[in-house]
Amino acid sequence: MASSVIQSTRSTRGPGRGTLGGVRGAPILFTVFAIVLGSLAGTADALKVTIGGHDKECFNLHADREGDTFVGSFNVVDENVGHDVFDMMVKDEDRAVVYSFKHSSDHKFEFNTNRDGPHEFCFTNNKGHPLKLYWDVNVGHHWAHDAATDEHVSELQMSLDSLREMYYKLRSEVLYQKHREAAHRKTADTITGRVMGFSLLNTAVLIGVAGFQAYYVKQLFESKRRGSMATMRSV
């Protein structure tokens, strides 16, 4: 099933967290941050799925803590589909609706969870034919630096979690703009092709009409010339 494949694809959510409470210093922080970004960049890709007409596809993602933030976007790949294309709904493990958005061909979302555990993302195709959908989502946690204690997380872990969440937001925005630009470019290329085809057809029709007019005028003059010659002979 598609959902199980995507769930296993999304099971990697960044590097594991160790206990680094005694480590201090900006150089170490930026070094670890660079390693985190490098590892995340290779494991997080947007997914492209095909959803049938008036059909619904659901995928599960896991939140580690209450208050985790889901950040992502979705775009319709197909062109000329209008704006009332997909409905999106997110439910937590208690089947409570956490987030929903209706009638859109592209949308960016960001929301906080009310509890930990699996969250179900469902996309409903409002059209009567299959459509391809790019979608991307990441989950992270933003710590309030003045509220966290050693009981919850070390200072370095807290900073890494916040930085990772900012990275996910930036990455989601880049992917959203990239897929939106690709969809607009595809639409522009299609319109350009149609305009070119119409122009060629129009040119061919004009050449045909001009050729027919030249042939008709030539035949008319030849007919008059033959008529004049026949009149002169009869005289």
C-alpha atoms as a PDB file:
ATOM      1  CA  MET A   1       0.000   0.000   0.000  1.00  0.00           C
ATOM      2  CA  ALA A   2       1.196   3.527  -0.781  1.00  0.00           C
ATOM      3  CA  SER A   3       0.832   4.738   2.789  1.00  0.00           C
ATOM      4  CA  SER A   4       3.101   2.055   4.197  1.00  0.00           C
ATOM      5  CA  VAL A   5       5.793   2.867   1.634  1.00  0.00           C
ATOM      6  CA  ILE A   6       5.669   6.542   2.432  1.00  0.00           C
ATOM      7  CA  GLN A   7       5.601   5.857   6.136  1.00  0.00           C
ATOM      8  CA  SER A   8       8.803   3.825   5.884  1.00  0.00           C
ATOM      9  CA  THR A   9      10.348   6.525   3.665  1.00  0.00           C
ATOM     10  CA  ARG A  10       9.541   9.139   6.302  1.00  0.00           C
ATOM     11  CA  SER A  11      10.708   7.076   9.240  1.00  0.00           C
ATOM     12  CA  THR A  12      14.114   8.836   9.237  1.00  0.00           C
ATOM     13  CA  ARG A  13      13.664  12.174  10.947  1.00  0.00           C
ATOM     14  CA  GLY A  14      17.269  13.209  11.498  1.00  0.00           C
ATOM     15  CA  PRO A  15      20.066  12.013  13.742  1.00  0.00           C
ATOM     16  CA  GLY A  16      19.515  10.503  17.151  1.00  0.00           C
ATOM     17  CA  ARG A  17      19.782  12.632  20.261  1.00  0.00           C
ATOM     18  CA  GLY A  18      22.529  11.928  22.778  1.00  0.00           C
ATOM     19  CA  THR A  19      23.144  13.365  26.220  1.00  0.00           C
ATOM     20  CA  LEU A  20      25.469  16.320  25.768  1.00  0.00           C
ATOM     21  CA  GLY A  21      24.537  18.366  28.807  1.00  0.00           C
ATOM     22  CA  GLY A  22      28.120  19.168  29.804  1.00  0.00           C
ATOM     23  CA  VAL A  23      29.228  20.512  26.404  1.00  0.00           C
ATOM     24  CA  ARG A  24      29.427  24.269  25.935  1.00  0.00           C
ATOM     25  CA  GLY A  25      30.732  26.709  23.338  1.00  0.00           C
ATOM     26  CA  ALA A  26      29.643  28.204  20.029  1.00  0.00           C
ATOM     27  CA  PRO A  27      32.252  26.373  17.848  1.00  0.00           C
ATOM     28  CA  ILE A  28      30.950  22.973  18.960  1.00  0.00           C
ATOM     29  CA  LEU A  29      27.361  24.111  18.422  1.00  0.00           C
ATOM     30  CA  PHE A  30      27.957  25.238  14.843  1.00  0.00           C
ATOM     31  CA  THR A  31      30.014  22.128  14.050  1.00  0.00           C
ATOM     32  CA  VAL A  32      27.244  19.801  15.206  1.00  0.00           C
ATOM     33  CA  PHE A  33      24.649  21.970  13.430  1.00  0.00           C
ATOM     34  CA  ALA A  34      26.548  21.610  10.142  1.00  0.00           C
ATOM     35  CA  ILE A  35      26.659  17.827  10.584  1.00  0.00           C
ATOM     36  CA  VAL A  36      22.909  17.762  11.271  1.00  0.00           C
ATOM     37  CA  LEU A  37      22.145  19.804   8.155  1.00  0.00           C
ATOM     38  CA  GLY A  38      24.368  17.611   6.006  1.00  0.00           C
ATOM     39  CA  SER A  39      22.694  14.428   7.166  1.00  0.00           C
ATOM     40  CA  LEU A  40      19.176  15.830   6.856  1.00  0.00           C
ATOM     41  CA  ALA A  41      19.765  17.165   3.348  1.00  0.00           C
ATOM     42  CA  GLY A  42      20.429  13.674   2.050  1.00  0.00           C
ATOM     43  CA  THR A  43      17.396  11.989   3.648  1.00  0.00           C
ATOM     44  CA  ALA A  44      14.499  14.399   3.127  1.00  0.00           C
ATOM     45  CA  ASP A  45      12.881  14.525  -0.309  1.00  0.00           C
ATOM     46  CA  ALA A  46       9.452  15.624  -1.406  1.00  0.00           C
ATOM     47  CA  LEU A  47       7.078  12.822  -2.375  1.00  0.00           C
ATOM     48  CA  LYS A  48       5.069  12.633  -5.593  1.00  0.00           C
ATOM     49  CA  VAL A  49       1.877  10.578  -5.433  1.00  0.00           C
ATOM     50  CA  THR A  50      -0.979  10.010  -7.868  1.00  0.00           C
ATOM     51  CA  ILE A  51      -4.452  10.219  -6.320  1.00  0.00           C
ATOM     52  CA  GLY A  52      -7.449   8.918  -8.271  1.00  0.00           C
ATOM     53  CA  GLY A  53     -10.524  10.964  -9.130  1.00  0.00           C
ATOM     54  CA  HIS A  54     -12.726  11.615  -6.073  1.00  0.00           C
ATOM     55  CA  ASP A  55     -10.320   9.407  -4.112  1.00  0.00           C
ATOM     56  CA  LYS A  56      -8.467   9.882  -0.820  1.00  0.00           C
ATOM     57  CA  GLU A  57      -4.937   8.916   0.199  1.00  0.00           C
ATOM     58  CA  CYS A  58      -3.686   8.972   3.791  1.00  0.00           C
ATOM     59  CA  PHE A  59      -0.147   8.837   5.230  1.00  0.00           C
ATOM     60  CA  ASN A  60       1.093   8.557   8.815  1.00  0.00           C
ATOM     61  CA  LEU A  61       3.811  10.665  10.435  1.00  0.00           C
ATOM     62  CA  HIS A  62       4.955  10.481  14.040  1.00  0.00           C
ATOM     63  CA  ALA A  63       5.343  13.305  16.549  1.00  0.00           C
ATOM     64  CA  ASP A  64       7.776  12.576  19.396  1.00  0.00           C
ATOM     65  CA  ARG A  65       6.394  15.162  21.811  1.00  0.00           C
ATOM     66  CA  GLU A  66       3.308  17.191  22.548  1.00  0.00           C
ATOM     67  CA  GLY A  67       3.756  20.597  20.933  1.00  0.00           C
ATOM     68  CA  ASP A  68       5.891  19.335  18.034  1.00  0.00           C
ATOM     69  CA  THR A  69       5.601  21.444  14.883  1.00  0.00           C
ATOM     70  CA  PHE A  70       4.665  20.029  11.478  1.00  0.00           C
ATOM     71  CA  VAL A  71       5.907  22.173   8.582  1.00  0.00           C
ATOM     72  CA  GLY A  72       5.279  21.403   4.904  1.00  0.00           C
ATOM     73  CA  SER A  73       3.491  22.124   1.655  1.00  0.00           C
ATOM     74  CA  PHE A  74       1.781  20.483  -1.289  1.00  0.00           C
ATOM     75  CA  ASN A  75       1.513  21.346  -4.999  1.00  0.00           C
ATOM     76  CA  VAL A  76      -0.468  19.892  -7.857  1.00  0.00           C
ATOM     77  CA  VAL A  77       1.842  18.781 -10.662  1.00  0.00           C
ATOM     78  CA  ASP A  78      -0.775  18.725 -13.426  1.00  0.00           C
ATOM     79  CA  GLU A  79      -1.632  21.927 -15.253  1.00  0.00           C
ATOM     80  CA  ASN A  80      -4.947  23.668 -15.890  1.00  0.00           C
ATOM     81  CA  VAL A  81      -6.704  21.980 -12.969  1.00  0.00           C
ATOM     82  CA  GLY A  82      -8.128  25.085 -11.271  1.00  0.00           C
ATOM     83  CA  HIS A  83      -7.864  25.960  -7.595  1.00  0.00           C
ATOM     84  CA  ASP A  84     -10.472  23.735  -5.879  1.00  0.00           C
ATOM     85  CA  VAL A  85      -8.419  20.581  -6.368  1.00  0.00           C
ATOM     86  CA  PHE A  86      -7.429  19.010  -3.036  1.00  0.00           C
ATOM     87  CA  ASP A  87      -8.704  18.949   0.529  1.00  0.00           C
ATOM     88  CA  MET A  88      -6.195  18.247   3.297  1.00  0.00           C
ATOM     89  CA  MET A  89      -7.032  16.982   6.786  1.00  0.00           C
ATOM     90  CA  VAL A  90      -4.751  15.942   9.662  1.00  0.00           C
ATOM     91  CA  LYS A  91      -5.934  13.821  12.594  1.00  0.00           C
ATOM     92  CA  ASP A  92      -4.063  12.686  15.694  1.00  0.00           C
ATOM     93  CA  GLU A  93      -4.187   9.279  17.359  1.00  0.00           C
ATOM     94  CA  ASP A  94      -7.473  10.206  19.086  1.00  0.00           C
ATOM     95  CA  ARG A  95      -9.021  10.936  15.647  1.00  0.00           C
ATOM     96  CA  ALA A  96      -9.297  14.626  16.560  1.00  0.00           C
ATOM     97  CA  VAL A  97      -8.840  17.038  13.649  1.00  0.00           C
ATOM     98  CA  VAL A  98      -5.581  18.918  14.194  1.00  0.00           C
ATOM     99  CA  TYR A  99      -5.447  20.820  10.898  1.00  0.00           C
ATOM    100  CA  SER A 100      -7.541  21.095   7.732  1.00  0.00           C
ATOM    101  CA  PHE A 101      -7.543  23.082   4.506  1.00  0.00           C
ATOM    102  CA  LYS A 102      -9.982  22.835   1.583  1.00  0.00           C
ATOM    103  CA  HIS A 103     -10.067  23.511  -2.158  1.00  0.00           C
ATOM    104  CA  SER A 104      -6.491  24.345  -3.112  1.00  0.00           C
ATOM    105  CA  SER A 105      -3.952  23.371  -5.766  1.00  0.00           C
ATOM    106  CA  ASP A 106      -0.967  24.522  -3.664  1.00  0.00           C
ATOM    107  CA  HIS A 107      -0.711  25.266   0.030  1.00  0.00           C
ATOM    108  CA  LYS A 108       1.869  25.806   2.773  1.00  0.00           C
ATOM    109  CA  PHE A 109       1.046  24.678   6.293  1.00  0.00           C
ATOM    110  CA  GLU A 110       2.510  24.883   9.792  1.00  0.00           C
ATOM    111  CA  PHE A 111       0.816  23.741  12.984  1.00  0.00           C
ATOM    112  CA  ASN A 112       1.606  22.441  16.457  1.00  0.00           C
ATOM    113  CA  THR A 113       0.469  19.072  17.759  1.00  0.00           C
ATOM    114  CA  ASN A 114      -1.716  18.675  20.833  1.00  0.00           C
ATOM    115  CA  ARG A 115      -0.190  15.304  21.682  1.00  0.00           C
ATOM    116  CA  ASP A 116       2.563  12.931  20.656  1.00  0.00           C
ATOM    117  CA  GLY A 117       2.106   9.812  18.551  1.00  0.00           C
ATOM    118  CA  PRO A 118       1.089   9.100  14.947  1.00  0.00           C
ATOM    119  CA  HIS A 119      -0.695  11.755  12.899  1.00  0.00           C
ATOM    120  CA  GLU A 120      -2.693  10.888   9.790  1.00  0.00           C
ATOM    121  CA  PHE A 121      -2.379  13.220   6.771  1.00  0.00           C
ATOM    122  CA  CYS A 122      -5.223  12.727   4.258  1.00  0.00           C
ATOM    123  CA  PHE A 123      -5.530  14.322   0.801  1.00  0.00           C
ATOM    124  CA  THR A 124      -8.844  14.170  -1.094  1.00  0.00           C
ATOM    125  CA  ASN A 125      -8.983  14.698  -4.868  1.00  0.00           C
ATOM    126  CA  ASN A 126     -12.082  16.742  -5.717  1.00  0.00           C
ATOM    127  CA  LYS A 127     -11.691  16.184  -9.462  1.00  0.00           C
ATOM    128  CA  GLY A 128     -13.081  13.278 -11.481  1.00  0.00           C
ATOM    129  CA  HIS A 129      -9.707  12.187 -12.870  1.00  0.00           C
ATOM    130  CA  PRO A 130      -6.339  11.174 -11.339  1.00  0.00           C
ATOM    131  CA  LEU A 131      -3.932  13.967 -10.382  1.00  0.00           C
ATOM    132  CA  LYS A 132      -0.280  14.002  -9.322  1.00  0.00           C
ATOM    133  CA  LEU A 133       0.571  15.709  -6.058  1.00  0.00           C
ATOM    134  CA  TYR A 134       3.934  16.820  -4.680  1.00  0.00           C
ATOM    135  CA  TRP A 135       3.895  17.010  -0.906  1.00  0.00           C
ATOM    136  CA  ASP A 136       6.518  17.500   1.756  1.00  0.00           C
ATOM    137  CA  VAL A 137       6.281  17.582   5.547  1.00  0.00           C
ATOM    138  CA  ASN A 138       8.748  17.592   8.432  1.00  0.00           C
ATOM    139  CA  VAL A 139       8.273  17.510  12.184  1.00  0.00           C
ATOM    140  CA  GLY A 140      10.432  19.238  14.789  1.00  0.00           C
ATOM    141  CA  HIS A 141      10.271  20.943  18.154  1.00  0.00           C
ATOM    142  CA  HIS A 142      11.010  24.534  19.151  1.00  0.00           C
ATOM    143  CA  TRP A 143      12.162  25.000  22.711  1.00  0.00           C
ATOM    144  CA  ALA A 144      11.600  28.164  24.711  1.00  0.00           C
ATOM    145  CA  HIS A 145      15.142  28.808  25.958  1.00  0.00           C
ATOM    146  CA  ASP A 146      13.967  30.532  29.120  1.00  0.00           C
ATOM    147  CA  ALA A 147      11.501  27.735  29.978  1.00  0.00           C
ATOM    148  CA  ALA A 148      13.476  24.526  29.360  1.00  0.00           C
ATOM    149  CA  THR A 149      15.239  22.826  32.274  1.00  0.00           C
ATOM    150  CA  ASP A 150      17.960  20.168  32.573  1.00  0.00           C
ATOM    151  CA  GLU A 151      15.147  17.745  33.330  1.00  0.00           C
ATOM    152  CA  HIS A 152      13.860  18.096  29.754  1.00  0.00           C
ATOM    153  CA  VAL A 153      16.847  18.643  27.535  1.00  0.00           C
ATOM    154  CA  SER A 154      20.400  19.900  27.594  1.00  0.00           C
ATOM    155  CA  GLU A 155      21.268  23.341  26.271  1.00  0.00           C
ATOM    156  CA  LEU A 156      22.946  21.927  23.182  1.00  0.00           C
ATOM    157  CA  GLN A 157      20.080  19.560  22.420  1.00  0.00           C
ATOM    158  CA  MET A 158      17.637  22.406  22.850  1.00  0.00           C
ATOM    159  CA  SER A 159      19.575  24.569  20.378  1.00  0.00           C
ATOM    160  CA  LEU A 160      19.866  21.740  17.848  1.00  0.00           C
ATOM    161  CA  ASP A 161      16.126  21.029  17.987  1.00  0.00           C
ATOM    162  CA  SER A 162      15.329  24.705  17.413  1.00  0.00           C
ATOM    163  CA  LEU A 163      17.856  24.957  14.575  1.00  0.00           C
ATOM    164  CA  ARG A 164      16.508  21.810  12.978  1.00  0.00           C
ATOM    165  CA  GLU A 165      12.981  23.219  13.068  1.00  0.00           C
ATOM    166  CA  MET A 166      14.202  26.424  11.374  1.00  0.00           C
ATOM    167  CA  TYR A 167      15.980  24.325   8.743  1.00  0.00           C
ATOM    168  CA  TYR A 168      12.788  22.374   8.039  1.00  0.00           C
ATOM    169  CA  LYS A 169      10.823  25.593   7.628  1.00  0.00           C
ATOM    170  CA  LEU A 170      13.382  27.000   5.206  1.00  0.00           C
ATOM    171  CA  ARG A 171      13.615  23.736   3.273  1.00  0.00           C
ATOM    172  CA  SER A 172       9.828  23.471   3.045  1.00  0.00           C
ATOM    173  CA  GLU A 173       9.599  27.009   1.670  1.00  0.00           C
ATOM    174  CA  VAL A 174      12.295  26.278  -0.949  1.00  0.00           C
ATOM    175  CA  LEU A 175      10.553  23.070  -2.085  1.00  0.00           C
ATOM    176  CA  TYR A 176       7.180  24.824  -2.205  1.00  0.00           C
ATOM    177  CA  GLN A 177       8.522  27.612  -4.416  1.00  0.00           C
ATOM    178  CA  LYS A 178      10.423  25.109  -6.579  1.00  0.00           C
ATOM    179  CA  HIS A 179       7.389  22.948  -7.287  1.00  0.00           C
ATOM    180  CA  ARG A 180       5.160  25.990  -7.794  1.00  0.00           C
ATOM    181  CA  GLU A 181       7.638  27.434 -10.298  1.00  0.00           C
ATOM    182  CA  ALA A 182       7.794  24.066 -12.111  1.00  0.00           C
ATOM    183  CA  ALA A 183       3.988  23.957 -12.377  1.00  0.00           C
ATOM    184  CA  HIS A 184       3.846  27.535 -13.695  1.00  0.00           C
ATOM    185  CA  ARG A 185       6.656  26.828 -16.152  1.00  0.00           C
ATOM    186  CA  LYS A 186       4.834  23.752 -17.423  1.00  0.00           C
ATOM    187  CA  THR A 187       1.670  25.786 -17.924  1.00  0.00           C
ATOM    188  CA  ALA A 188       3.614  28.560 -19.693  1.00  0.00           C
ATOM    189  CA  ASP A 189       5.308  26.022 -21.998  1.00  0.00           C
ATOM    190  CA  THR A 190       1.933  24.521 -22.886  1.00  0.00           C
ATOM    191  CA  ILE A 191       0.447  27.938 -23.670  1.00  0.00           C
ATOM    192  CA  THR A 192       3.525  28.838 -25.737  1.00  0.00           C
ATOM    193  CA  GLY A 193       3.203  25.605 -27.710  1.00  0.00           C
ATOM    194  CA  ARG A 194      -0.466  26.267 -28.404  1.00  0.00           C
ATOM    195  CA  VAL A 195       0.261  29.833 -29.523  1.00  0.00           C
ATOM    196  CA  MET A 196       3.026  28.573 -31.820  1.00  0.00           C
ATOM    197  CA  GLY A 197       0.725  25.934 -33.293  1.00  0.00           C
ATOM    198  CA  PHE A 198      -2.040  28.471 -33.869  1.00  0.00           C
ATOM    199  CA  SER A 199       0.428  30.870 -35.488  1.00  0.00           C
ATOM    200  CA  LEU A 200       1.708  28.162 -37.856  1.00  0.00           C
ATOM    201  CA  LEU A 201      -1.841  27.133 -38.711  1.00  0.00           C
ATOM    202  CA  ASN A 202      -2.797  30.758 -39.324  1.00  0.00           C
ATOM    203  CA  THR A 203       0.256  31.241 -41.558  1.00  0.00           C
ATOM    204  CA  ALA A 204      -0.573  28.094 -43.548  1.00  0.00           C
ATOM    205  CA  VAL A 205      -4.173  29.257 -44.044  1.00  0.00           C
ATOM    206  CA  LEU A 206      -3.016  32.694 -45.205  1.00  0.00           C
ATOM    207  CA  ILE A 207      -0.549  31.154 -47.669  1.00  0.00           C
ATOM    208  CA  GLY A 208      -3.285  28.825 -48.954  1.00  0.00           C
ATOM    209  CA  VAL A 209      -5.762  31.676 -49.376  1.00  0.00           C
ATOM    210  CA  ALA A 210      -3.127  33.820 -51.147  1.00  0.00           C
ATOM    211  CA  GLY A 211      -2.245  30.941 -53.481  1.00  0.00           C
ATOM    212  CA  PHE A 212      -5.908  30.297 -54.276  1.00  0.00           C
ATOM    213  CA  GLN A 213      -6.509  33.988 -54.973  1.00  0.00           C
ATOM    214  CA  ALA A 214      -3.474  34.140 -57.300  1.00  0.00           C
ATOM    215  CA  TYR A 215      -4.649  30.998 -59.121  1.00  0.00           C
ATOM    216  CA  TYR A 216      -8.220  32.341 -59.410  1.00  0.00           C
ATOM    217  CA  VAL A 217      -7.057  35.738 -60.750  1.00  0.00           C
ATOM    218  CA  LYS A 218      -4.759  33.996 -63.248  1.00  0.00           C
ATOM    219  CA  GLN A 219      -7.595  31.763 -64.447  1.00  0.00           C
ATOM    220  CA  LEU A 220      -9.876  34.795 -64.733  1.00  0.00           C
ATOM    221  CA  PHE A 221      -7.401  36.707 -66.910  1.00  0.00           C
ATOM    222  CA  GLU A 222      -6.744  33.659 -69.094  1.00  0.00           C
ATOM    223  CA  SER A 223     -10.478  33.151 -69.542  1.00  0.00           C
ATOM    224  CA  LYS A 224     -10.927  36.795 -70.585  1.00  0.00           C
ATOM    225  CA  ARG A 225      -7.958  36.538 -72.941  1.00  0.00           C
ATOM    226  CA  ARG A 226      -9.359  33.426 -74.602  1.00  0.00           C
ATOM    227  CA  GLY A 227     -12.744  35.122 -74.901  1.00  0.00           C
ATOM    228  CA  SER A 228     -11.184  38.191 -76.521  1.00  0.00           C
ATOM    229  CA  MET A 229      -9.242  36.065 -79.019  1.00  0.00           C
ATOM    230  CA  ALA A 230     -12.360  34.099 -79.916  1.00  0.00           C
ATOM    231  CA  THR A 231     -14.266  37.374 -80.532  1.00  0.00           C
ATOM    232  CA  MET A 232     -11.506  38.736 -82.748  1.00  0.00           C
ATOM    233  CA  ARG A 233     -11.483  35.577 -84.851  1.00  0.00           C
ATOM    234  CA  SER A 234     -15.214  35.660 -85.352  1.00  0.00           C
ATOM    235  CA  VAL A 235     -14.994  39.250 -86.599  1.00  0.00           C
END
